[in-house]
């Protein structure tokens, strides 16, 4: 990405496309939003939007305590079924 902020409508349009990619990244274990963003090659603010959507709909869950840097880690929700969907 070129560092320019994209229109939020563009980010929203990509949400369904990003779900399986984020789930795939989390299959290796819990990660923070910056770690997920780095793995995907997308800006942290866009990944935060997608992660919050996945959290809201129960695909991923937050680990209750922040890491040493103050970031929360996210993991695939135990009952989400996302790891088997293959979207």
PDB file of N, CA and C in Angstrom:
ATOM      1  N   UNK A   1       0.850  -1.177   0.000  1.00  0.00           N
ATOM      2  CA  UNK A   1       0.000   0.000   0.000  1.00  0.00           C
ATOM      3  C   UNK A   1       0.895   1.239   0.000  1.00  0.00           C
ATOM      4  N   UNK A   2       0.382   2.331  -0.515  1.00  0.00           N
ATOM      5  CA  UNK A   2       1.190   3.520  -0.697  1.00  0.00           C
ATOM      6  C   UNK A   2       1.130   4.508   0.447  1.00  0.00           C
ATOM      7  N   UNK A   3       0.519   4.195   1.558  1.00  0.00           N
ATOM      8  CA  UNK A   3       0.453   5.087   2.699  1.00  0.00           C
ATOM      9  C   UNK A   3      -0.725   6.050   2.654  1.00  0.00           C
ATOM     10  N   UNK A   4      -1.428   6.105   1.541  1.00  0.00           N
ATOM     11  CA  UNK A   4      -2.599   6.976   1.428  1.00  0.00           C
ATOM     12  C   UNK A   4      -3.798   6.277   2.069  1.00  0.00           C
ATOM     13  N   UNK A   5      -4.614   7.060   2.750  1.00  0.00           N
ATOM     14  CA  UNK A   5      -5.826   6.498   3.332  1.00  0.00           C
ATOM     15  C   UNK A   5      -6.857   6.286   2.232  1.00  0.00           C
ATOM     16  N   UNK A   6      -7.431   5.105   2.225  1.00  0.00           N
ATOM     17  CA  UNK A   6      -8.466   4.804   1.237  1.00  0.00           C
ATOM     18  C   UNK A   6      -9.822   5.215   1.784  1.00  0.00           C
ATOM     19  N   UNK A   7     -10.738   5.439   0.875  1.00  0.00           N
ATOM     20  CA  UNK A   7     -12.108   5.733   1.257  1.00  0.00           C
ATOM     21  C   UNK A   7     -12.667   4.546   2.027  1.00  0.00           C
ATOM     22  N   UNK A   8     -13.387   4.816   3.097  1.00  0.00           N
ATOM     23  CA  UNK A   8     -13.925   3.758   3.950  1.00  0.00           C
ATOM     24  C   UNK A   8     -14.814   2.795   3.163  1.00  0.00           C
ATOM     25  N   UNK A   9     -15.468   3.292   2.130  1.00  0.00           N
ATOM     26  CA  UNK A   9     -16.319   2.413   1.308  1.00  0.00           C
ATOM     27  C   UNK A   9     -15.505   1.321   0.625  1.00  0.00           C
ATOM     28  N   UNK A  10     -14.285   1.653   0.224  1.00  0.00           N
ATOM     29  CA  UNK A  10     -13.411   0.649  -0.382  1.00  0.00           C
ATOM     30  C   UNK A  10     -13.028  -0.415   0.642  1.00  0.00           C
ATOM     31  N   UNK A  11     -12.724   0.031   1.852  1.00  0.00           N
ATOM     32  CA  UNK A  11     -12.339  -0.889   2.927  1.00  0.00           C
ATOM     33  C   UNK A  11     -13.512  -1.810   3.266  1.00  0.00           C
ATOM     34  N   UNK A  12     -14.705  -1.261   3.350  1.00  0.00           N
ATOM     35  CA  UNK A  12     -15.901  -2.055   3.666  1.00  0.00           C
ATOM     36  C   UNK A  12     -16.151  -3.098   2.586  1.00  0.00           C
ATOM     37  N   UNK A  13     -15.984  -2.718   1.324  1.00  0.00           N
ATOM     38  CA  UNK A  13     -16.206  -3.657   0.218  1.00  0.00           C
ATOM     39  C   UNK A  13     -15.302  -4.882   0.315  1.00  0.00           C
ATOM     40  N   UNK A  14     -14.127  -4.720   0.892  1.00  0.00           N
ATOM     41  CA  UNK A  14     -13.160  -5.818   0.972  1.00  0.00           C
ATOM     42  C   UNK A  14     -13.350  -6.708   2.197  1.00  0.00           C
ATOM     43  N   UNK A  15     -14.266  -6.347   3.088  1.00  0.00           N
ATOM     44  CA  UNK A  15     -14.391  -7.085   4.347  1.00  0.00           C
ATOM     45  C   UNK A  15     -14.626  -8.581   4.152  1.00  0.00           C
ATOM     46  N   UNK A  16     -15.541  -8.964   3.297  1.00  0.00           N
ATOM     47  CA  UNK A  16     -15.831 -10.386   3.092  1.00  0.00           C
ATOM     48  C   UNK A  16     -14.637 -11.111   2.445  1.00  0.00           C
ATOM     49  N   UNK A  17     -13.925 -10.428   1.583  1.00  0.00           N
ATOM     50  CA  UNK A  17     -12.758 -11.011   0.946  1.00  0.00           C
ATOM     51  C   UNK A  17     -11.612 -11.219   1.946  1.00  0.00           C
ATOM     52  N   UNK A  18     -11.545 -10.361   2.947  1.00  0.00           N
ATOM     53  CA  UNK A  18     -10.446 -10.428   3.906  1.00  0.00           C
ATOM     54  C   UNK A  18     -10.684 -11.446   5.019  1.00  0.00           C
ATOM     55  N   UNK A  19     -11.923 -11.833   5.247  1.00  0.00           N
ATOM     56  CA  UNK A  19     -12.213 -12.771   6.336  1.00  0.00           C
ATOM     57  C   UNK A  19     -11.385 -14.047   6.246  1.00  0.00           C
ATOM     58  N   UNK A  20     -11.405 -14.777   5.121  1.00  0.00           N
ATOM     59  CA  UNK A  20     -10.600 -16.006   5.081  1.00  0.00           C
ATOM     60  C   UNK A  20      -9.101 -15.749   5.193  1.00  0.00           C
ATOM     61  N   UNK A  21      -8.637 -14.612   4.701  1.00  0.00           N
ATOM     62  CA  UNK A  21      -7.217 -14.286   4.792  1.00  0.00           C
ATOM     63  C   UNK A  21      -6.799 -14.057   6.238  1.00  0.00           C
ATOM     64  N   UNK A  22      -7.641 -13.345   6.993  1.00  0.00           N
ATOM     65  CA  UNK A  22      -7.339 -13.098   8.403  1.00  0.00           C
ATOM     66  C   UNK A  22      -7.420 -14.391   9.194  1.00  0.00           C
ATOM     67  N   UNK A  23      -8.431 -15.196   8.929  1.00  0.00           N
ATOM     68  CA  UNK A  23      -8.558 -16.497   9.602  1.00  0.00           C
ATOM     69  C   UNK A  23      -7.324 -17.352   9.319  1.00  0.00           C
ATOM     70  N   UNK A  24      -6.852 -17.335   8.088  1.00  0.00           N
ATOM     71  CA  UNK A  24      -5.665 -18.110   7.733  1.00  0.00           C
ATOM     72  C   UNK A  24      -4.448 -17.644   8.523  1.00  0.00           C
ATOM     73  N   UNK A  25      -4.280 -16.332   8.660  1.00  0.00           N
ATOM     74  CA  UNK A  25      -3.160 -15.794   9.437  1.00  0.00           C
ATOM     75  C   UNK A  25      -3.260 -16.251  10.892  1.00  0.00           C
ATOM     76  N   UNK A  26      -4.472 -16.272  11.439  1.00  0.00           N
ATOM     77  CA  UNK A  26      -4.659 -16.643  12.846  1.00  0.00           C
ATOM     78  C   UNK A  26      -4.565 -18.150  13.089  1.00  0.00           C
ATOM     79  N   UNK A  27      -4.546 -18.942  12.052  1.00  0.00           N
ATOM     80  CA  UNK A  27      -4.408 -20.387  12.247  1.00  0.00           C
ATOM     81  C   UNK A  27      -3.054 -20.751  12.837  1.00  0.00           C
ATOM     82  N   UNK A  28      -2.071 -19.881  12.695  1.00  0.00           N
ATOM     83  CA  UNK A  28      -0.757 -20.151  13.284  1.00  0.00           C
ATOM     84  C   UNK A  28      -0.708 -19.766  14.759  1.00  0.00           C
ATOM     85  N   UNK A  29      -1.772 -19.140  15.259  1.00  0.00           N
ATOM     86  CA  UNK A  29      -1.845 -18.760  16.669  1.00  0.00           C
ATOM     87  C   UNK A  29      -2.296 -17.326  16.832  1.00  0.00           C
ATOM     88  N   UNK A  30      -2.573 -16.914  18.086  1.00  0.00           N
ATOM     89  CA  UNK A  30      -3.055 -15.554  18.353  1.00  0.00           C
ATOM     90  C   UNK A  30      -2.065 -14.489  17.883  1.00  0.00           C
ATOM     91  N   UNK A  31      -2.620 -13.396  17.353  1.00  0.00           N
ATOM     92  CA  UNK A  31      -1.791 -12.299  16.881  1.00  0.00           C
ATOM     93  C   UNK A  31      -2.471 -10.966  17.145  1.00  0.00           C
ATOM     94  N   UNK A  32      -1.667  -9.927  17.199  1.00  0.00           N
ATOM     95  CA  UNK A  32      -2.177  -8.568  17.359  1.00  0.00           C
ATOM     96  C   UNK A  32      -2.584  -8.010  15.998  1.00  0.00           C
ATOM     97  N   UNK A  33      -3.306  -6.907  16.021  1.00  0.00           N
ATOM     98  CA  UNK A  33      -3.699  -6.264  14.759  1.00  0.00           C
ATOM     99  C   UNK A  33      -2.465  -5.854  13.953  1.00  0.00           C
ATOM    100  N   UNK A  34      -1.437  -5.235  14.564  1.00  0.00           N
ATOM    101  CA  UNK A  34      -0.249  -4.909  13.757  1.00  0.00           C
ATOM    102  C   UNK A  34       0.427  -6.147  13.157  1.00  0.00           C
ATOM    103  N   UNK A  35       0.435  -7.251  13.876  1.00  0.00           N
ATOM    104  CA  UNK A  35       1.027  -8.485  13.337  1.00  0.00           C
ATOM    105  C   UNK A  35       0.209  -9.017  12.163  1.00  0.00           C
ATOM    106  N   UNK A  36      -1.115  -8.966  12.289  1.00  0.00           N
ATOM    107  CA  UNK A  36      -1.981  -9.403  11.201  1.00  0.00           C
ATOM    108  C   UNK A  36      -1.786  -8.496   9.983  1.00  0.00           C
ATOM    109  N   UNK A  37      -1.724  -7.185  10.227  1.00  0.00           N
ATOM    110  CA  UNK A  37      -1.532  -6.224   9.137  1.00  0.00           C
ATOM    111  C   UNK A  37      -0.225  -6.486   8.401  1.00  0.00           C
ATOM    112  N   UNK A  38       0.828  -6.760   9.145  1.00  0.00           N
ATOM    113  CA  UNK A  38       2.123  -7.034   8.518  1.00  0.00           C
ATOM    114  C   UNK A  38       2.062  -8.314   7.685  1.00  0.00           C
ATOM    115  N   UNK A  39       1.421  -9.339   8.213  1.00  0.00           N
ATOM    116  CA  UNK A  39       1.310 -10.609   7.494  1.00  0.00           C
ATOM    117  C   UNK A  39       0.516 -10.450   6.195  1.00  0.00           C
ATOM    118  N   UNK A  40      -0.493  -9.580   6.220  1.00  0.00           N
ATOM    119  CA  UNK A  40      -1.349  -9.384   5.046  1.00  0.00           C
ATOM    120  C   UNK A  40      -0.828  -8.318   4.084  1.00  0.00           C
ATOM    121  N   UNK A  41       0.024  -7.425   4.606  1.00  0.00           N
ATOM    122  CA  UNK A  41       0.512  -6.331   3.779  1.00  0.00           C
ATOM    123  C   UNK A  41      -0.488  -5.208   3.610  1.00  0.00           C
ATOM    124  N   UNK A  42      -1.349  -5.011   4.609  1.00  0.00           N
ATOM    125  CA  UNK A  42      -2.356  -3.944   4.580  1.00  0.00           C
ATOM    126  C   UNK A  42      -2.129  -3.002   5.752  1.00  0.00           C
ATOM    127  N   UNK A  43      -2.601  -1.754   5.641  1.00  0.00           N
ATOM    128  CA  UNK A  43      -2.456  -0.799   6.744  1.00  0.00           C
ATOM    129  C   UNK A  43      -3.193  -1.270   8.007  1.00  0.00           C
ATOM    130  N   UNK A  44      -2.604  -0.955   9.140  1.00  0.00           N
ATOM    131  CA  UNK A  44      -3.171  -1.369  10.424  1.00  0.00           C
ATOM    132  C   UNK A  44      -4.599  -0.878  10.605  1.00  0.00           C
ATOM    133  N   UNK A  45      -4.905   0.358  10.177  1.00  0.00           N
ATOM    134  CA  UNK A  45      -6.247   0.893  10.390  1.00  0.00           C
ATOM    135  C   UNK A  45      -7.299   0.113   9.600  1.00  0.00           C
ATOM    136  N   UNK A  46      -6.948  -0.393   8.431  1.00  0.00           N
ATOM    137  CA  UNK A  46      -7.893  -1.202   7.659  1.00  0.00           C
ATOM    138  C   UNK A  46      -8.074  -2.569   8.304  1.00  0.00           C
ATOM    139  N   UNK A  47      -6.979  -3.167   8.734  1.00  0.00           N
ATOM    140  CA  UNK A  47      -7.050  -4.471   9.386  1.00  0.00           C
ATOM    141  C   UNK A  47      -7.850  -4.370  10.682  1.00  0.00           C
ATOM    142  N   UNK A  48      -7.693  -3.273  11.413  1.00  0.00           N
ATOM    143  CA  UNK A  48      -8.470  -3.081  12.643  1.00  0.00           C
ATOM    144  C   UNK A  48      -9.965  -3.095  12.332  1.00  0.00           C
ATOM    145  N   UNK A  49     -10.371  -2.458  11.265  1.00  0.00           N
ATOM    146  CA  UNK A  49     -11.773  -2.437  10.857  1.00  0.00           C
ATOM    147  C   UNK A  49     -12.273  -3.854  10.597  1.00  0.00           C
ATOM    148  N   UNK A  50     -11.496  -4.630   9.830  1.00  0.00           N
ATOM    149  CA  UNK A  50     -11.900  -5.999   9.493  1.00  0.00           C
ATOM    150  C   UNK A  50     -11.901  -6.902  10.713  1.00  0.00           C
ATOM    151  N   UNK A  51     -10.897  -6.757  11.576  1.00  0.00           N
ATOM    152  CA  UNK A  51     -10.824  -7.571  12.799  1.00  0.00           C
ATOM    153  C   UNK A  51     -12.022  -7.293  13.703  1.00  0.00           C
ATOM    154  N   UNK A  52     -12.400  -6.031  13.831  1.00  0.00           N
ATOM    155  CA  UNK A  52     -13.557  -5.709  14.680  1.00  0.00           C
ATOM    156  C   UNK A  52     -14.837  -6.305  14.105  1.00  0.00           C
ATOM    157  N   UNK A  53     -14.959  -6.343  12.793  1.00  0.00           N
ATOM    158  CA  UNK A  53     -16.112  -6.993  12.172  1.00  0.00           C
ATOM    159  C   UNK A  53     -16.129  -8.486  12.446  1.00  0.00           C
ATOM    160  N   UNK A  54     -14.974  -9.128  12.308  1.00  0.00           N
ATOM    161  CA  UNK A  54     -14.878 -10.563  12.585  1.00  0.00           C
ATOM    162  C   UNK A  54     -15.185 -10.862  14.049  1.00  0.00           C
ATOM    163  N   UNK A  55     -14.731  -9.972  14.928  1.00  0.00           N
ATOM    164  CA  UNK A  55     -15.004 -10.132  16.360  1.00  0.00           C
ATOM    165  C   UNK A  55     -16.495  -9.959  16.647  1.00  0.00           C
ATOM    166  N   UNK A  56     -17.084  -8.945  16.042  1.00  0.00           N
ATOM    167  CA  UNK A  56     -18.505  -8.666  16.254  1.00  0.00           C
ATOM    168  C   UNK A  56     -19.382  -9.848  15.864  1.00  0.00           C
ATOM    169  N   UNK A  57     -19.031 -10.516  14.786  1.00  0.00           N
ATOM    170  CA  UNK A  57     -19.847 -11.625  14.289  1.00  0.00           C
ATOM    171  C   UNK A  57     -19.382 -12.997  14.772  1.00  0.00           C
ATOM    172  N   UNK A  58     -18.454 -13.013  15.747  1.00  0.00           N
ATOM    173  CA  UNK A  58     -18.080 -14.248  16.418  1.00  0.00           C
ATOM    174  C   UNK A  58     -17.101 -15.146  15.681  1.00  0.00           C
ATOM    175  N   UNK A  59     -16.437 -14.638  14.654  1.00  0.00           N
ATOM    176  CA  UNK A  59     -15.462 -15.449  13.927  1.00  0.00           C
ATOM    177  C   UNK A  59     -14.129 -15.523  14.667  1.00  0.00           C
ATOM    178  N   UNK A  60     -13.791 -14.435  15.364  1.00  0.00           N
ATOM    179  CA  UNK A  60     -12.568 -14.414  16.156  1.00  0.00           C
ATOM    180  C   UNK A  60     -12.900 -13.869  17.539  1.00  0.00           C
ATOM    181  N   UNK A  61     -11.993 -14.106  18.475  1.00  0.00           N
ATOM    182  CA  UNK A  61     -12.190 -13.575  19.830  1.00  0.00           C
ATOM    183  C   UNK A  61     -10.899 -12.935  20.307  1.00  0.00           C
ATOM    184  N   UNK A  62     -11.052 -12.067  21.276  1.00  0.00           N
ATOM    185  CA  UNK A  62      -9.939 -11.324  21.843  1.00  0.00           C
ATOM    186  C   UNK A  62      -9.418 -12.061  23.066  1.00  0.00           C
ATOM    187  N   UNK A  63      -8.114 -12.150  23.202  1.00  0.00           N
ATOM    188  CA  UNK A  63      -7.529 -12.683  24.429  1.00  0.00           C
ATOM    189  C   UNK A  63      -7.653 -11.576  25.475  1.00  0.00           C
ATOM    190  N   UNK A  64      -8.179 -11.885  26.667  1.00  0.00           N
ATOM    191  CA  UNK A  64      -8.547 -10.856  27.643  1.00  0.00           C
ATOM    192  C   UNK A  64      -7.450  -9.899  28.098  1.00  0.00           C
ATOM    193  N   UNK A  65      -6.205 -10.293  28.075  1.00  0.00           N
ATOM    194  CA  UNK A  65      -5.152  -9.416  28.575  1.00  0.00           C
ATOM    195  C   UNK A  65      -4.251  -8.947  27.434  1.00  0.00           C
ATOM    196  N   UNK A  66      -3.875  -7.676  27.498  1.00  0.00           N
ATOM    197  CA  UNK A  66      -2.993  -7.108  26.486  1.00  0.00           C
ATOM    198  C   UNK A  66      -1.577  -7.653  26.664  1.00  0.00           C
ATOM    199  N   UNK A  67      -0.815  -7.662  25.565  1.00  0.00           N
ATOM    200  CA  UNK A  67       0.582  -8.097  25.654  1.00  0.00           C
ATOM    201  C   UNK A  67       1.429  -6.981  26.262  1.00  0.00           C
ATOM    202  N   UNK A  68       2.744  -7.179  26.344  1.00  0.00           N
ATOM    203  CA  UNK A  68       3.647  -6.203  26.967  1.00  0.00           C
ATOM    204  C   UNK A  68       3.645  -4.847  26.269  1.00  0.00           C
ATOM    205  N   UNK A  69       3.302  -4.835  25.000  1.00  0.00           N
ATOM    206  CA  UNK A  69       3.256  -3.581  24.240  1.00  0.00           C
ATOM    207  C   UNK A  69       1.899  -2.896  24.312  1.00  0.00           C
ATOM    208  N   UNK A  70       0.941  -3.515  25.009  1.00  0.00           N
ATOM    209  CA  UNK A  70      -0.385  -2.931  25.157  1.00  0.00           C
ATOM    210  C   UNK A  70      -1.386  -3.337  24.095  1.00  0.00           C
ATOM    211  N   UNK A  71      -1.011  -4.278  23.235  1.00  0.00           N
ATOM    212  CA  UNK A  71      -1.915  -4.741  22.187  1.00  0.00           C
ATOM    213  C   UNK A  71      -2.645  -6.003  22.625  1.00  0.00           C
ATOM    214  N   UNK A  72      -3.900  -6.094  22.233  1.00  0.00           N
ATOM    215  CA  UNK A  72      -4.651  -7.321  22.461  1.00  0.00           C
ATOM    216  C   UNK A  72      -4.375  -8.271  21.309  1.00  0.00           C
ATOM    217  N   UNK A  73      -4.377  -9.554  21.619  1.00  0.00           N
ATOM    218  CA  UNK A  73      -4.216 -10.562  20.587  1.00  0.00           C
ATOM    219  C   UNK A  73      -5.585 -11.142  20.258  1.00  0.00           C
ATOM    220  N   UNK A  74      -5.710 -11.574  19.025  1.00  0.00           N
ATOM    221  CA  UNK A  74      -6.960 -12.164  18.551  1.00  0.00           C
ATOM    222  C   UNK A  74      -6.689 -13.585  18.091  1.00  0.00           C
ATOM    223  N   UNK A  75      -7.691 -14.434  18.245  1.00  0.00           N
ATOM    224  CA  UNK A  75      -7.587 -15.839  17.844  1.00  0.00           C
ATOM    225  C   UNK A  75      -8.900 -16.249  17.197  1.00  0.00           C
ATOM    226  N   UNK A  76      -8.866 -17.374  16.518  1.00  0.00           N
ATOM    227  CA  UNK A  76     -10.083 -17.908  15.918  1.00  0.00           C
ATOM    228  C   UNK A  76     -11.002 -18.326  17.060  1.00  0.00           C
ATOM    229  N   UNK A  77     -12.260 -17.928  16.986  1.00  0.00           N
ATOM    230  CA  UNK A  77     -13.229 -18.279  18.032  1.00  0.00           C
ATOM    231  C   UNK A  77     -13.441 -19.788  18.031  1.00  0.00           C
ATOM    232  N   UNK A  78     -13.543 -20.343  19.210  1.00  0.00           N
ATOM    233  CA  UNK A  78     -13.675 -21.799  19.352  1.00  0.00           C
ATOM    234  C   UNK A  78     -14.888 -22.369  18.638  1.00  0.00           C
ATOM    235  N   UNK A  79     -15.985 -21.645  18.633  1.00  0.00           N
ATOM    236  CA  UNK A  79     -17.215 -22.172  18.038  1.00  0.00           C
ATOM    237  C   UNK A  79     -17.608 -21.469  16.743  1.00  0.00           C
ATOM    238  N   UNK A  80     -16.644 -20.800  16.100  1.00  0.00           N
ATOM    239  CA  UNK A  80     -16.995 -20.023  14.903  1.00  0.00           C
ATOM    240  C   UNK A  80     -17.187 -20.876  13.660  1.00  0.00           C
ATOM    241  N   UNK A  81     -16.465 -21.981  13.573  1.00  0.00           N
ATOM    242  CA  UNK A  81     -16.527 -22.796  12.365  1.00  0.00           C
ATOM    243  C   UNK A  81     -15.757 -22.191  11.209  1.00  0.00           C
ATOM    244  N   UNK A  82     -15.151 -21.004  11.399  1.00  0.00           N
ATOM    245  CA  UNK A  82     -14.436 -20.312  10.322  1.00  0.00           C
ATOM    246  C   UNK A  82     -13.256 -21.091   9.799  1.00  0.00           C
ATOM    247  N   UNK A  83     -12.601 -21.853  10.669  1.00  0.00           N
ATOM    248  CA  UNK A  83     -11.434 -22.578  10.200  1.00  0.00           C
ATOM    249  C   UNK A  83     -11.810 -23.668   9.206  1.00  0.00           C
ATOM    250  N   UNK A  84     -13.097 -23.998   9.112  1.00  0.00           N
ATOM    251  CA  UNK A  84     -13.519 -25.040   8.176  1.00  0.00           C
ATOM    252  C   UNK A  84     -14.302 -24.496   6.986  1.00  0.00           C
ATOM    253  N   UNK A  85     -14.646 -23.220   7.009  1.00  0.00           N
ATOM    254  CA  UNK A  85     -15.497 -22.656   5.959  1.00  0.00           C
ATOM    255  C   UNK A  85     -14.820 -22.600   4.608  1.00  0.00           C
ATOM    256  N   UNK A  86     -13.540 -22.195   4.598  1.00  0.00           N
ATOM    257  CA  UNK A  86     -12.837 -22.082   3.327  1.00  0.00           C
ATOM    258  C   UNK A  86     -13.416 -21.037   2.409  1.00  0.00           C
ATOM    259  N   UNK A  87     -13.949 -19.947   2.976  1.00  0.00           N
ATOM    260  CA  UNK A  87     -14.559 -18.876   2.176  1.00  0.00           C
ATOM    261  C   UNK A  87     -13.590 -18.324   1.177  1.00  0.00           C
TER     262      UNK A  87
END
